[in-house]
């Protein structure tokens, strides 16, 4: 139980940092390399599968959430590129 709590606290801080960095990048109008994001997305799928296999629930939570944030980032990038004149 204590191990899961420690893992969840770590996951919370990692997710908070990831969300903040993604928001700041988008807000500043900085360009993110879509190839990097797609490779990262594939990596997250494998990490989630691994965390499921070893039954690490905090790791599954962080992997699934980062996967969703990455999908949002891809959506924002595609919308931004469509708005360019």
Protein backbone atom coordinates (compact mmCIF):
# COMPACT_ATOMS: atom_id res chain seq x y z
CA UNK A 1 0.00 0.00 0.00
CA UNK A 2 2.78 2.47 0.91
CA UNK A 3 4.58 1.58 -2.33
CA UNK A 4 1.48 2.53 -4.34
CA UNK A 5 1.13 5.83 -2.47
CA UNK A 6 4.75 6.72 -3.18
CA UNK A 7 4.21 5.79 -6.83
CA UNK A 8 1.06 7.88 -7.08
CA UNK A 9 2.79 10.91 -5.56
CA UNK A 10 5.61 10.55 -8.09
CA UNK A 11 3.09 10.14 -10.90
CA UNK A 12 1.26 13.28 -9.79
CA UNK A 13 4.41 15.41 -9.90
CA UNK A 14 5.47 14.02 -13.29
CA UNK A 15 2.03 14.64 -14.75
CA UNK A 16 1.84 18.14 -13.30
CA UNK A 17 5.21 19.00 -14.87
CA UNK A 18 4.22 17.45 -18.22
CA UNK A 19 0.89 19.32 -18.33
CA UNK A 20 2.53 22.61 -17.40
CA UNK A 21 5.29 22.23 -20.00
CA UNK A 22 2.81 21.28 -22.74
CA UNK A 23 0.61 24.26 -21.88
CA UNK A 24 3.55 26.69 -21.85
CA UNK A 25 4.86 25.37 -25.17
CA UNK A 26 1.46 25.75 -26.81
CA UNK A 27 0.86 29.18 -25.25
CA UNK A 28 4.24 30.47 -26.44
CA UNK A 29 3.47 29.30 -29.97
CA UNK A 30 6.57 27.14 -30.12
CA UNK A 31 6.65 24.46 -32.76
CA UNK A 32 6.83 20.86 -31.61
CA UNK A 33 8.19 18.20 -33.96
CA UNK A 34 5.27 15.90 -34.82
CA UNK A 35 7.64 12.99 -35.52
CA UNK A 36 8.98 13.23 -31.99
CA UNK A 37 5.45 13.30 -30.59
CA UNK A 38 4.41 10.23 -32.63
CA UNK A 39 7.49 8.25 -31.54
CA UNK A 40 6.80 9.28 -27.95
CA UNK A 41 3.20 8.09 -28.33
CA UNK A 42 4.33 4.65 -29.52
CA UNK A 43 6.74 4.46 -26.59
CA UNK A 44 3.93 5.26 -24.18
CA UNK A 45 1.84 2.40 -25.57
CA UNK A 46 4.65 -0.03 -24.89
CA UNK A 47 5.31 1.38 -21.42
CA UNK A 48 1.63 1.07 -20.57
CA UNK A 49 1.61 -2.54 -21.75
CA UNK A 50 4.68 -3.23 -19.62
CA UNK A 51 3.16 -1.60 -16.53
CA UNK A 52 0.01 -3.66 -17.05
CA UNK A 53 2.03 -6.86 -17.31
CA UNK A 54 3.82 -6.16 -14.03
CA UNK A 55 0.61 -4.82 -12.42
CA UNK A 56 2.11 -1.44 -11.50
CA UNK A 57 -1.01 0.70 -11.10
CA UNK A 58 0.73 4.05 -10.48
CA UNK A 59 2.80 3.47 -13.62
CA UNK A 60 -0.33 2.50 -15.58
CA UNK A 61 -2.01 5.74 -14.46
CA UNK A 62 0.89 7.94 -15.49
CA UNK A 63 1.37 6.10 -18.79
CA UNK A 64 -2.32 6.33 -19.71
CA UNK A 65 -2.52 9.99 -18.74
CA UNK A 66 0.61 10.97 -20.66
CA UNK A 67 -0.78 9.04 -23.64
CA UNK A 68 -3.97 11.12 -23.48
CA UNK A 69 -2.03 14.37 -23.07
CA UNK A 70 0.06 13.45 -26.11
CA UNK A 71 -3.11 12.86 -28.13
CA UNK A 72 -4.34 16.31 -27.07
CA UNK A 73 -0.99 17.77 -28.10
CA UNK A 74 -1.29 16.14 -31.53
CA UNK A 75 -4.80 17.56 -31.88
CA UNK A 76 -3.62 21.04 -30.92
CA UNK A 77 -0.72 20.81 -33.37
CA UNK A 78 -3.00 19.75 -36.20
CA UNK A 79 -5.47 22.54 -35.45
CA UNK A 80 -2.67 25.07 -35.29
CA UNK A 81 -1.23 23.96 -38.64
CA UNK A 82 -4.67 24.21 -40.28
CA UNK A 83 -5.05 27.83 -39.11
CA UNK A 84 -1.89 28.95 -40.91
CA UNK A 85 -2.65 31.11 -43.98
